Amino acid sequence: LRHDVHFTEGGVFHGVMGAAKVRTNTLHGQGIKQAGPRIVIDGHAED
């Protein structure tokens, strides 16, 4: 586990996890540049 993820207060992931902040692993090089029109970004890393 290498960084925190902050969820939207009262959002979908907050509801699923029962927490607004969790700690996760990270093993990726690419990431979202522009979200699709219907994509809701419900959690962000510290950066």
ModelCIF file with pLDDT and N, C-alpha, C, O atoms, coordinates in Angstrom:
data_MODEL
#
_entry.id   MODEL 
#
_entity.id                         1 
_entity.type                       polymer 
_entity.pdbx_number_of_molecules   1 
#
_entity_poly.entity_id                      1 
_entity_poly.type                           'polypeptide(L)' 
_entity_poly.nstd_linkage                   no 
_entity_poly.nstd_monomer                   no 
_entity_poly.pdbx_seq_one_letter_code       LRHDVHFTEGGVFHGVMGAAKVRTNTLHGQGIKQAGPRIVIDGHAED 
_entity_poly.pdbx_seq_one_letter_code_can   LRHDVHFTEGGVFHGVMGAAKVRTNTLHGQGIKQAGPRIVIDGHAED 
_entity_poly.pdbx_strand_id                 A 
#
loop_
_entity_poly_seq.entity_id 
_entity_poly_seq.num 
_entity_poly_seq.mon_id 
_entity_poly_seq.hetero 
1 1  LEU n 
1 2  ARG n 
1 3  HIS n 
1 4  ASP n 
1 5  VAL n 
1 6  HIS n 
1 7  PHE n 
1 8  THR n 
1 9  GLU n 
1 10 GLY n 
1 11 GLY n 
1 12 VAL n 
1 13 PHE n 
1 14 HIS n 
1 15 GLY n 
1 16 VAL n 
1 17 MET n 
1 18 GLY n 
1 19 ALA n 
1 20 ALA n 
1 21 LYS n 
1 22 VAL n 
1 23 ARG n 
1 24 THR n 
1 25 ASN n 
1 26 THR n 
1 27 LEU n 
1 28 HIS n 
1 29 GLY n 
1 30 GLN n 
1 31 GLY n 
1 32 ILE n 
1 33 LYS n 
1 34 GLN n 
1 35 ALA n 
1 36 GLY n 
1 37 PRO n 
1 38 ARG n 
1 39 ILE n 
1 40 VAL n 
1 41 ILE n 
1 42 ASP n 
1 43 GLY n 
1 44 HIS n 
1 45 ALA n 
1 46 GLU n 
1 47 ASP n 
#
_struct_asym.id          A 
_struct_asym.entity_id   1 
#
loop_
_ma_qa_metric.id 
_ma_qa_metric.mode 
_ma_qa_metric.name 
_ma_qa_metric.software_group_id 
_ma_qa_metric.type 
1 global pLDDT . pLDDT 
2 local  pLDDT . pLDDT 
#
_ma_qa_metric_global.metric_id      1 
_ma_qa_metric_global.metric_value   96.85 
_ma_qa_metric_global.model_id       1 
_ma_qa_metric_global.ordinal_id     1 
#
loop_
_ma_qa_metric_local.label_asym_id 
_ma_qa_metric_local.label_comp_id 
_ma_qa_metric_local.label_seq_id 
_ma_qa_metric_local.metric_id 
_ma_qa_metric_local.metric_value 
_ma_qa_metric_local.model_id 
_ma_qa_metric_local.ordinal_id 
A LEU 1  2 95.00 1 1  
A ARG 2  2 94.00 1 2  
A HIS 3  2 96.00 1 3  
A ASP 4  2 97.00 1 4  
A VAL 5  2 98.00 1 5  
A HIS 6  2 98.00 1 6  
A PHE 7  2 98.00 1 7  
A THR 8  2 98.00 1 8  
A GLU 9  2 97.00 1 9  
A GLY 10 2 97.00 1 10 
A GLY 11 2 98.00 1 11 
A VAL 12 2 98.00 1 12 
A PHE 13 2 98.00 1 13 
A HIS 14 2 98.00 1 14 
A GLY 15 2 98.00 1 15 
A VAL 16 2 98.00 1 16 
A MET 17 2 97.00 1 17 
A GLY 18 2 97.00 1 18 
A ALA 19 2 97.00 1 19 
A ALA 20 2 98.00 1 20 
A LYS 21 2 98.00 1 21 
A VAL 22 2 98.00 1 22 
A ARG 23 2 97.00 1 23 
A THR 24 2 97.00 1 24 
A ASN 25 2 96.00 1 25 
A THR 26 2 95.00 1 26 
A LEU 27 2 93.00 1 27 
A HIS 28 2 93.00 1 28 
A GLY 29 2 91.00 1 29 
A GLN 30 2 94.00 1 30 
A GLY 31 2 96.00 1 31 
A ILE 32 2 98.00 1 32 
A LYS 33 2 98.00 1 33 
A GLN 34 2 98.00 1 34 
A ALA 35 2 98.00 1 35 
A GLY 36 2 98.00 1 36 
A PRO 37 2 97.00 1 37 
A ARG 38 2 97.00 1 38 
A ILE 39 2 98.00 1 39 
A VAL 40 2 98.00 1 40 
A ILE 41 2 98.00 1 41 
A ASP 42 2 98.00 1 42 
A GLY 43 2 98.00 1 43 
A HIS 44 2 98.00 1 44 
A ALA 45 2 97.00 1 45 
A GLU 46 2 95.00 1 46 
A ASP 47 2 95.00 1 47 
#
loop_
_atom_site.group_PDB 
_atom_site.id 
_atom_site.type_symbol 
_atom_site.label_atom_id 
_atom_site.label_alt_id 
_atom_site.label_comp_id 
_atom_site.label_asym_id 
_atom_site.label_entity_id 
_atom_site.label_seq_id 
_atom_site.pdbx_PDB_ins_code 
_atom_site.Cartn_x 
_atom_site.Cartn_y 
_atom_site.Cartn_z 
_atom_site.occupancy 
_atom_site.B_iso_or_equiv 
_atom_site.pdbx_formal_charge 
_atom_site.auth_seq_id 
_atom_site.auth_comp_id 
_atom_site.auth_asym_id 
_atom_site.auth_atom_id 
_atom_site.pdbx_PDB_model_num 
ATOM 1   N N  . LEU A 1 1  ? 0.851   -1.180 0.000   1.00 95.00 ? 1  LEU A N  1 
ATOM 2   C CA . LEU A 1 1  ? 0.000   0.000  0.000   1.00 95.00 ? 1  LEU A CA 1 
ATOM 3   C C  . LEU A 1 1  ? 0.894   1.239  0.000   1.00 95.00 ? 1  LEU A C  1 
ATOM 4   O O  . LEU A 1 1  ? 1.718   1.417  0.897   1.00 95.00 ? 1  LEU A O  1 
ATOM 5   N N  . ARG A 1 2  ? 0.722   2.106  -1.024  1.00 94.00 ? 2  ARG A N  1 
ATOM 6   C CA . ARG A 1 2  ? 1.703   3.168  -1.229  1.00 94.00 ? 2  ARG A CA 1 
ATOM 7   C C  . ARG A 1 2  ? 1.131   4.579  -1.207  1.00 94.00 ? 2  ARG A C  1 
ATOM 8   O O  . ARG A 1 2  ? 1.882   5.535  -1.015  1.00 94.00 ? 2  ARG A O  1 
ATOM 9   N N  . HIS A 1 3  ? -0.177  4.739  -1.398  1.00 96.00 ? 3  HIS A N  1 
ATOM 10  C CA . HIS A 1 3  ? -0.723  6.094  -1.314  1.00 96.00 ? 3  HIS A CA 1 
ATOM 11  C C  . HIS A 1 3  ? -2.196  6.060  -0.920  1.00 96.00 ? 3  HIS A C  1 
ATOM 12  O O  . HIS A 1 3  ? -2.861  5.029  -1.021  1.00 96.00 ? 3  HIS A O  1 
ATOM 13  N N  . ASP A 1 4  ? -2.687  7.214  -0.468  1.00 97.00 ? 4  ASP A N  1 
ATOM 14  C CA . ASP A 1 4  ? -4.088  7.340  -0.107  1.00 97.00 ? 4  ASP A CA 1 
ATOM 15  C C  . ASP A 1 4  ? -4.929  7.668  -1.335  1.00 97.00 ? 4  ASP A C  1 
ATOM 16  O O  . ASP A 1 4  ? -4.443  8.260  -2.300  1.00 97.00 ? 4  ASP A O  1 
ATOM 17  N N  . VAL A 1 5  ? -6.184  7.277  -1.281  1.00 98.00 ? 5  VAL A N  1 
ATOM 18  C CA . VAL A 1 5  ? -7.180  7.692  -2.266  1.00 98.00 ? 5  VAL A CA 1 
ATOM 19  C C  . VAL A 1 5  ? -8.302  8.387  -1.505  1.00 98.00 ? 5  VAL A C  1 
ATOM 20  O O  . VAL A 1 5  ? -8.842  7.844  -0.542  1.00 98.00 ? 5  VAL A O  1 
ATOM 21  N N  . HIS A 1 6  ? -8.649  9.598  -1.949  1.00 98.00 ? 6  HIS A N  1 
ATOM 22  C CA . HIS A 1 6  ? -9.705  10.390 -1.322  1.00 98.00 ? 6  HIS A CA 1 
ATOM 23  C C  . HIS A 1 6  ? -10.962 10.327 -2.191  1.00 98.00 ? 6  HIS A C  1 
ATOM 24  O O  . HIS A 1 6  ? -10.930 10.683 -3.369  1.00 98.00 ? 6  HIS A O  1 
ATOM 25  N N  . PHE A 1 7  ? -12.072 9.869  -1.597  1.00 98.00 ? 7  PHE A N  1 
ATOM 26  C CA . PHE A 1 7  ? -13.337 9.754  -2.307  1.00 98.00 ? 7  PHE A CA 1 
ATOM 27  C C  . PHE A 1 7  ? -14.183 11.003 -2.086  1.00 98.00 ? 7  PHE A C  1 
ATOM 28  O O  . PHE A 1 7  ? -13.994 11.736 -1.115  1.00 98.00 ? 7  PHE A O  1 
ATOM 29  N N  . THR A 1 8  ? -15.110 11.228 -2.997  1.00 98.00 ? 8  THR A N  1 
ATOM 30  C CA . THR A 1 8  ? -16.075 12.310 -2.843  1.00 98.00 ? 8  THR A CA 1 
ATOM 31  C C  . THR A 1 8  ? -16.942 12.046 -1.621  1.00 98.00 ? 8  THR A C  1 
ATOM 32  O O  . THR A 1 8  ? -17.512 10.965 -1.480  1.00 98.00 ? 8  THR A O  1 
ATOM 33  N N  . GLU A 1 9  ? -17.042 13.043 -0.731  1.00 97.00 ? 9  GLU A N  1 
ATOM 34  C CA . GLU A 1 9  ? -17.888 12.898 0.466   1.00 97.00 ? 9  GLU A CA 1 
ATOM 35  C C  . GLU A 1 9  ? -19.336 12.600 0.047   1.00 97.00 ? 9  GLU A C  1 
ATOM 36  O O  . GLU A 1 9  ? -19.954 13.352 -0.708  1.00 97.00 ? 9  GLU A O  1 
ATOM 37  N N  . GLY A 1 10 ? -19.852 11.476 0.565   1.00 97.00 ? 10 GLY A N  1 
ATOM 38  C CA . GLY A 1 10 ? -21.216 11.090 0.249   1.00 97.00 ? 10 GLY A CA 1 
ATOM 39  C C  . GLY A 1 10 ? -21.386 10.460 -1.114  1.00 97.00 ? 10 GLY A C  1 
ATOM 40  O O  . GLY A 1 10 ? -22.512 10.191 -1.532  1.00 97.00 ? 10 GLY A O  1 
ATOM 41  N N  . GLY A 1 11 ? -20.274 10.215 -1.827  1.00 98.00 ? 11 GLY A N  1 
ATOM 42  C CA . GLY A 1 11 ? -20.331 9.643  -3.165  1.00 98.00 ? 11 GLY A CA 1 
ATOM 43  C C  . GLY A 1 11 ? -20.487 8.135  -3.155  1.00 98.00 ? 11 GLY A C  1 
ATOM 44  O O  . GLY A 1 11 ? -20.614 7.510  -2.102  1.00 98.00 ? 11 GLY A O  1 
ATOM 45  N N  . VAL A 1 12 ? -20.474 7.566  -4.346  1.00 98.00 ? 12 VAL A N  1 
ATOM 46  C CA . VAL A 1 12 ? -20.682 6.127  -4.512  1.00 98.00 ? 12 VAL A CA 1 
ATOM 47  C C  . VAL A 1 12 ? -19.603 5.317  -3.796  1.00 98.00 ? 12 VAL A C  1 
ATOM 48  O O  . VAL A 1 12 ? -19.918 4.400  -3.038  1.00 98.00 ? 12 VAL A O  1 
ATOM 49  N N  . PHE A 1 13 ? -18.342 5.648  -4.030  1.00 98.00 ? 13 PHE A N  1 
ATOM 50  C CA . PHE A 1 13 ? -17.258 4.877  -3.402  1.00 98.00 ? 13 PHE A CA 1 
ATOM 51  C C  . PHE A 1 13 ? -17.215 5.091  -1.897  1.00 98.00 ? 13 PHE A C  1 
ATOM 52  O O  . PHE A 1 13 ? -16.905 4.162  -1.151  1.00 98.00 ? 13 PHE A O  1 
ATOM 53  N N  . HIS A 1 14 ? -17.519 6.287  -1.444  1.00 98.00 ? 14 HIS A N  1 
ATOM 54  C CA . HIS A 1 14 ? -17.616 6.529  -0.003  1.00 98.00 ? 14 HIS A CA 1 
ATOM 55  C C  . HIS A 1 14 ? -18.638 5.583  0.608   1.00 98.00 ? 14 HIS A C  1 
ATOM 56  O O  . HIS A 1 14 ? -18.409 5.018  1.677   1.00 98.00 ? 14 HIS A O  1 
ATOM 57  N N  . GLY A 1 15 ? -19.770 5.412  -0.075  1.00 98.00 ? 15 GLY A N  1 
ATOM 58  C CA . GLY A 1 15 ? -20.799 4.515  0.414   1.00 98.00 ? 15 GLY A CA 1 
ATOM 59  C C  . GLY A 1 15 ? -20.363 3.061  0.424   1.00 98.00 ? 15 GLY A C  1 
ATOM 60  O O  . GLY A 1 15 ? -20.640 2.329  1.375   1.00 98.00 ? 15 GLY A O  1 
ATOM 61  N N  . VAL A 1 16 ? -19.685 2.646  -0.626  1.00 98.00 ? 16 VAL A N  1 
ATOM 62  C CA . VAL A 1 16 ? -19.225 1.256  -0.713  1.00 98.00 ? 16 VAL A CA 1 
ATOM 63  C C  . VAL A 1 16 ? -18.171 0.955  0.348   1.00 98.00 ? 16 VAL A C  1 
ATOM 64  O O  . VAL A 1 16 ? -18.223 -0.090 0.997   1.00 98.00 ? 16 VAL A O  1 
ATOM 65  N N  . MET A 1 17 ? -17.215 1.866  0.527   1.00 97.00 ? 17 MET A N  1 
ATOM 66  C CA . MET A 1 17 ? -16.094 1.634  1.433   1.00 97.00 ? 17 MET A CA 1 
ATOM 67  C C  . MET A 1 17 ? -16.421 1.961  2.888   1.00 97.00 ? 17 MET A C  1 
ATOM 68  O O  . MET A 1 17 ? -15.787 1.440  3.806   1.00 97.00 ? 17 MET A O  1 
ATOM 69  N N  . GLY A 1 18 ? -17.421 2.833  3.094   1.00 97.00 ? 18 GLY A N  1 
ATOM 70  C CA . GLY A 1 18 ? -17.679 3.285  4.449   1.00 97.00 ? 18 GLY A CA 1 
ATOM 71  C C  . GLY A 1 18 ? -16.596 4.202  4.971   1.00 97.00 ? 18 GLY A C  1 
ATOM 72  O O  . GLY A 1 18 ? -16.457 4.380  6.181   1.00 97.00 ? 18 GLY A O  1 
ATOM 73  N N  . ALA A 1 19 ? -15.818 4.793  4.057   1.00 97.00 ? 19 ALA A N  1 
ATOM 74  C CA . ALA A 1 19 ? -14.732 5.697  4.435   1.00 97.00 ? 19 ALA A CA 1 
ATOM 75  C C  . ALA A 1 19 ? -14.495 6.666  3.292   1.00 97.00 ? 19 ALA A C  1 
ATOM 76  O O  . ALA A 1 19 ? -14.661 6.313  2.124   1.00 97.00 ? 19 ALA A O  1 
ATOM 77  N N  . ALA A 1 20 ? -14.105 7.892  3.630   1.00 98.00 ? 20 ALA A N  1 
ATOM 78  C CA . ALA A 1 20 ? -13.819 8.898  2.611   1.00 98.00 ? 20 ALA A CA 1 
ATOM 79  C C  . ALA A 1 20 ? -12.364 8.857  2.161   1.00 98.00 ? 20 ALA A C  1 
ATOM 80  O O  . ALA A 1 20 ? -12.010 9.468  1.152   1.00 98.00 ? 20 ALA A O  1 
ATOM 81  N N  . LYS A 1 21 ? -11.517 8.141  2.900   1.00 98.00 ? 21 LYS A N  1 
ATOM 82  C CA . LYS A 1 21 ? -10.105 8.007  2.532   1.00 98.00 ? 21 LYS A CA 1 
ATOM 83  C C  . LYS A 1 21 ? -9.654  6.583  2.795   1.00 98.00 ? 21 LYS A C  1 
ATOM 84  O O  . LYS A 1 21 ? -9.912  6.032  3.865   1.00 98.00 ? 21 LYS A O  1 
ATOM 85  N N  . VAL A 1 22 ? -8.970  5.977  1.808   1.00 98.00 ? 22 VAL A N  1 
ATOM 86  C CA . VAL A 1 22 ? -8.430  4.626  1.960   1.00 98.00 ? 22 VAL A CA 1 
ATOM 87  C C  . VAL A 1 22 ? -6.993  4.619  1.452   1.00 98.00 ? 22 VAL A C  1 
ATOM 88  O O  . VAL A 1 22 ? -6.547  5.560  0.795   1.00 98.00 ? 22 VAL A O  1 
ATOM 89  N N  . ARG A 1 23 ? -6.285  3.554  1.764   1.00 97.00 ? 23 ARG A N  1 
ATOM 90  C CA . ARG A 1 23 ? -4.904  3.420  1.288   1.00 97.00 ? 23 ARG A CA 1 
ATOM 91  C C  . ARG A 1 23 ? -4.824  2.226  0.348   1.00 97.00 ? 23 ARG A C  1 
ATOM 92  O O  . ARG A 1 23 ? -5.361  1.156  0.637   1.00 97.00 ? 23 ARG A O  1 
ATOM 93  N N  . THR A 1 24 ? -4.146  2.421  -0.784  1.00 97.00 ? 24 THR A N  1 
ATOM 94  C CA . THR A 1 24 ? -4.126  1.400  -1.831  1.00 97.00 ? 24 THR A CA 1 
ATOM 95  C C  . THR A 1 24 ? -2.717  1.166  -2.358  1.00 97.00 ? 24 THR A C  1 
ATOM 96  O O  . THR A 1 24 ? -1.792  1.930  -2.083  1.00 97.00 ? 24 THR A O  1 
ATOM 97  N N  . ASN A 1 25 ? -2.580  0.083  -3.126  1.00 96.00 ? 25 ASN A N  1 
ATOM 98  C CA . ASN A 1 25 ? -1.364  -0.144 -3.894  1.00 96.00 ? 25 ASN A CA 1 
ATOM 99  C C  . ASN A 1 25 ? -1.418  0.702  -5.171  1.00 96.00 ? 25 ASN A C  1 
ATOM 100 O O  . ASN A 1 25 ? -2.422  1.359  -5.445  1.00 96.00 ? 25 ASN A O  1 
ATOM 101 N N  . THR A 1 26 ? -0.353  0.679  -5.930  1.00 95.00 ? 26 THR A N  1 
ATOM 102 C CA . THR A 1 26 ? -0.347  1.408  -7.200  1.00 95.00 ? 26 THR A CA 1 
ATOM 103 C C  . THR A 1 26 ? 0.661   0.763  -8.136  1.00 95.00 ? 26 THR A C  1 
ATOM 104 O O  . THR A 1 26 ? 1.840   0.644  -7.804  1.00 95.00 ? 26 THR A O  1 
ATOM 105 N N  . LEU A 1 27 ? 0.188   0.341  -9.325  1.00 93.00 ? 27 LEU A N  1 
ATOM 106 C CA . LEU A 1 27 ? 1.029   -0.398 -10.262 1.00 93.00 ? 27 LEU A CA 1 
ATOM 107 C C  . LEU A 1 27 ? 0.662   -0.038 -11.697 1.00 93.00 ? 27 LEU A C  1 
ATOM 108 O O  . LEU A 1 27 ? 0.437   -0.924 -12.522 1.00 93.00 ? 27 LEU A O  1 
ATOM 109 N N  . HIS A 1 28 ? 0.602   1.243  -11.994 1.00 93.00 ? 28 HIS A N  1 
ATOM 110 C CA . HIS A 1 28 ? 0.193   1.648  -13.341 1.00 93.00 ? 28 HIS A CA 1 
ATOM 111 C C  . HIS A 1 28 ? 1.070   2.788  -13.844 1.00 93.00 ? 28 HIS A C  1 
ATOM 112 O O  . HIS A 1 28 ? 1.628   3.555  -13.059 1.00 93.00 ? 28 HIS A O  1 
ATOM 113 N N  . GLY A 1 29 ? 1.183   2.887  -15.168 1.00 91.00 ? 29 GLY A N  1 
ATOM 114 C CA . GLY A 1 29 ? 1.939   3.964  -15.785 1.00 91.00 ? 29 GLY A CA 1 
ATOM 115 C C  . GLY A 1 29 ? 1.052   5.034  -16.374 1.00 91.00 ? 29 GLY A C  1 
ATOM 116 O O  . GLY A 1 29 ? 1.352   6.224  -16.273 1.00 91.00 ? 29 GLY A O  1 
ATOM 117 N N  . GLN A 1 30 ? -0.056  4.609  -16.997 1.00 94.00 ? 30 GLN A N  1 
ATOM 118 C CA . GLN A 1 30 ? -0.965  5.553  -17.631 1.00 94.00 ? 30 GLN A CA 1 
ATOM 119 C C  . GLN A 1 30 ? -2.101  5.944  -16.683 1.00 94.00 ? 30 GLN A C  1 
ATOM 120 O O  . GLN A 1 30 ? -2.266  5.356  -15.613 1.00 94.00 ? 30 GLN A O  1 
ATOM 121 N N  . GLY A 1 31 ? -2.876  6.942  -17.095 1.00 96.00 ? 31 GLY A N  1 
ATOM 122 C CA . GLY A 1 31 ? -3.993  7.380  -16.283 1.00 96.00 ? 31 GLY A CA 1 
ATOM 123 C C  . GLY A 1 31 ? -4.903  8.296  -17.076 1.00 96.00 ? 31 GLY A C  1 
ATOM 124 O O  . GLY A 1 31 ? -4.605  8.649  -18.217 1.00 96.00 ? 31 GLY A O  1 
ATOM 125 N N  . ILE A 1 32 ? -6.000  8.674  -16.472 1.00 98.00 ? 32 ILE A N  1 
ATOM 126 C CA . ILE A 1 32 ? -6.996  9.485  -17.166 1.00 98.00 ? 32 ILE A CA 1 
ATOM 127 C C  . ILE A 1 32 ? -6.460  10.886 -17.465 1.00 98.00 ? 32 ILE A C  1 
ATOM 128 O O  . ILE A 1 32 ? -5.936  11.570 -16.586 1.00 98.00 ? 32 ILE A O  1 
ATOM 129 N N  . LYS A 1 33 ? -6.604  11.289 -18.712 1.00 98.00 ? 33 LYS A N  1 
ATOM 130 C CA . LYS A 1 33 ? -6.294  12.658 -19.148 1.00 98.00 ? 33 LYS A CA 1 
ATOM 131 C C  . LYS A 1 33 ? -7.586  13.473 -19.183 1.00 98.00 ? 33 LYS A C  1 
ATOM 132 O O  . LYS A 1 33 ? -7.726  14.468 -18.471 1.00 98.00 ? 33 LYS A O  1 
ATOM 133 N N  . GLN A 1 34 ? -8.517  13.042 -20.012 1.00 98.00 ? 34 GLN A N  1 
ATOM 134 C CA . GLN A 1 34 ? -9.839  13.659 -20.087 1.00 98.00 ? 34 GLN A CA 1 
ATOM 135 C C  . GLN A 1 34 ? -10.871 12.584 -19.781 1.00 98.00 ? 34 GLN A C  1 
ATOM 136 O O  . GLN A 1 34 ? -10.890 11.530 -20.417 1.00 98.00 ? 34 GLN A O  1 
ATOM 137 N N  . ALA A 1 35 ? -11.718 12.852 -18.815 1.00 98.00 ? 35 ALA A N  1 
ATOM 138 C CA . ALA A 1 35 ? -12.767 11.890 -18.488 1.00 98.00 ? 35 ALA A CA 1 
ATOM 139 C C  . ALA A 1 35 ? -13.832 11.890 -19.573 1.00 98.00 ? 35 ALA A C  1 
ATOM 140 O O  . ALA A 1 35 ? -14.166 12.940 -20.123 1.00 98.00 ? 35 ALA A O  1 
ATOM 141 N N  . GLY A 1 36 ? -14.366 10.713 -19.882 1.00 98.00 ? 36 GLY A N  1 
ATOM 142 C CA . GLY A 1 36 ? -15.467 10.624 -20.823 1.00 98.00 ? 36 GLY A CA 1 
ATOM 143 C C  . GLY A 1 36 ? -16.674 11.405 -20.333 1.00 98.00 ? 36 GLY A C  1 
ATOM 144 O O  . GLY A 1 36 ? -16.799 11.647 -19.132 1.00 98.00 ? 36 GLY A O  1 
ATOM 145 N N  . PRO A 1 37 ? -17.574 11.808 -21.238 1.00 97.00 ? 37 PRO A N  1 
ATOM 146 C CA . PRO A 1 37 ? -18.720 12.656 -20.860 1.00 97.00 ? 37 PRO A CA 1 
ATOM 147 C C  . PRO A 1 37 ? -19.568 12.109 -19.721 1.00 97.00 ? 37 PRO A C  1 
ATOM 148 O O  . PRO A 1 37 ? -20.137 12.886 -18.955 1.00 97.00 ? 37 PRO A O  1 
ATOM 149 N N  . ARG A 1 38 ? -19.665 10.780 -19.592 1.00 97.00 ? 38 ARG A N  1 
ATOM 150 C CA . ARG A 1 38 ? -20.488 10.203 -18.523 1.00 97.00 ? 38 ARG A CA 1 
ATOM 151 C C  . ARG A 1 38 ? -19.652 9.626  -17.381 1.00 97.00 ? 38 ARG A C  1 
ATOM 152 O O  . ARG A 1 38 ? -20.196 9.031  -16.451 1.00 97.00 ? 38 ARG A O  1 
ATOM 153 N N  . ILE A 1 39 ? -18.346 9.798  -17.451 1.00 98.00 ? 39 ILE A N  1 
ATOM 154 C CA . ILE A 1 39 ? -17.470 9.258  -16.414 1.00 98.00 ? 39 ILE A CA 1 
ATOM 155 C C  . ILE A 1 39 ? -17.419 10.212 -15.222 1.00 98.00 ? 39 ILE A C  1 
ATOM 156 O O  . ILE A 1 39 ? -17.092 11.390 -15.366 1.00 98.00 ? 39 ILE A O  1 
ATOM 157 N N  . VAL A 1 40 ? -17.746 9.685  -14.048 1.00 98.00 ? 40 VAL A N  1 
ATOM 158 C CA . VAL A 1 40 ? -17.635 10.444 -12.805 1.00 98.00 ? 40 VAL A CA 1 
ATOM 159 C C  . VAL A 1 40 ? -16.355 10.020 -12.097 1.00 98.00 ? 40 VAL A C  1 
ATOM 160 O O  . VAL A 1 40 ? -16.204 8.858  -11.721 1.00 98.00 ? 40 VAL A O  1 
ATOM 161 N N  . ILE A 1 41 ? -15.441 10.955 -11.918 1.00 98.00 ? 41 ILE A N  1 
ATOM 162 C CA . ILE A 1 41 ? -14.225 10.676 -11.142 1.00 98.00 ? 41 ILE A CA 1 
ATOM 163 C C  . ILE A 1 41 ? -14.579 10.853 -9.674  1.00 98.00 ? 41 ILE A C  1 
ATOM 164 O O  . ILE A 1 41 ? -14.784 11.974 -9.208  1.00 98.00 ? 41 ILE A O  1 
ATOM 165 N N  . ASP A 1 42 ? -14.650 9.748  -8.953  1.00 98.00 ? 42 ASP A N  1 
ATOM 166 C CA . ASP A 1 42 ? -15.162 9.736  -7.584  1.00 98.00 ? 42 ASP A CA 1 
ATOM 167 C C  . ASP A 1 42 ? -14.058 9.571  -6.551  1.00 98.00 ? 42 ASP A C  1 
ATOM 168 O O  . ASP A 1 42 ? -14.328 9.567  -5.350  1.00 98.00 ? 42 ASP A O  1 
ATOM 169 N N  . GLY A 1 43 ? -12.799 9.433  -7.013  1.00 98.00 ? 43 GLY A N  1 
ATOM 170 C CA . GLY A 1 43 ? -11.686 9.291  -6.094  1.00 98.00 ? 43 GLY A CA 1 
ATOM 171 C C  . GLY A 1 43 ? -10.387 9.691  -6.750  1.00 98.00 ? 43 GLY A C  1 
ATOM 172 O O  . GLY A 1 43 ? -10.169 9.414  -7.929  1.00 98.00 ? 43 GLY A O  1 
ATOM 173 N N  . HIS A 1 44 ? -9.514  10.349 -5.985  1.00 98.00 ? 44 HIS A N  1 
ATOM 174 C CA . HIS A 1 44 ? -8.214  10.815 -6.478  1.00 98.00 ? 44 HIS A CA 1 
ATOM 175 C C  . HIS A 1 44 ? -7.101  10.383 -5.528  1.00 98.00 ? 44 HIS A C  1 
ATOM 176 O O  . HIS A 1 44 ? -7.307  10.272 -4.320  1.00 98.00 ? 44 HIS A O  1 
ATOM 177 N N  . ALA A 1 45 ? -5.914  10.142 -6.096  1.00 97.00 ? 45 ALA A N  1 
ATOM 178 C CA . ALA A 1 45 ? -4.717  9.957  -5.287  1.00 97.00 ? 45 ALA A CA 1 
ATOM 179 C C  . ALA A 1 45 ? -4.282  11.311 -4.730  1.00 97.00 ? 45 ALA A C  1 
ATOM 180 O O  . ALA A 1 45 ? -4.830  12.352 -5.090  1.00 97.00 ? 45 ALA A O  1 
ATOM 181 N N  . GLU A 1 46 ? -3.292  11.275 -3.850  1.00 95.00 ? 46 GLU A N  1 
ATOM 182 C CA . GLU A 1 46 ? -2.804  12.490 -3.208  1.00 95.00 ? 46 GLU A CA 1 
ATOM 183 C C  . GLU A 1 46 ? -2.283  13.510 -4.212  1.00 95.00 ? 46 GLU A C  1 
ATOM 184 O O  . GLU A 1 46 ? -2.327  14.712 -3.949  1.00 95.00 ? 46 GLU A O  1 
ATOM 185 N N  . ASP A 1 47 ? -1.788  13.046 -5.364  1.00 95.00 ? 47 ASP A N  1 
ATOM 186 C CA . ASP A 1 47 ? -1.227  13.954 -6.367  1.00 95.00 ? 47 ASP A CA 1 
ATOM 187 C C  . ASP A 1 47 ? -2.252  14.392 -7.408  1.00 95.00 ? 47 ASP A C  1 
ATOM 188 O O  . ASP A 1 47 ? -1.922  15.156 -8.315  1.00 95.00 ? 47 ASP A O  1 
#
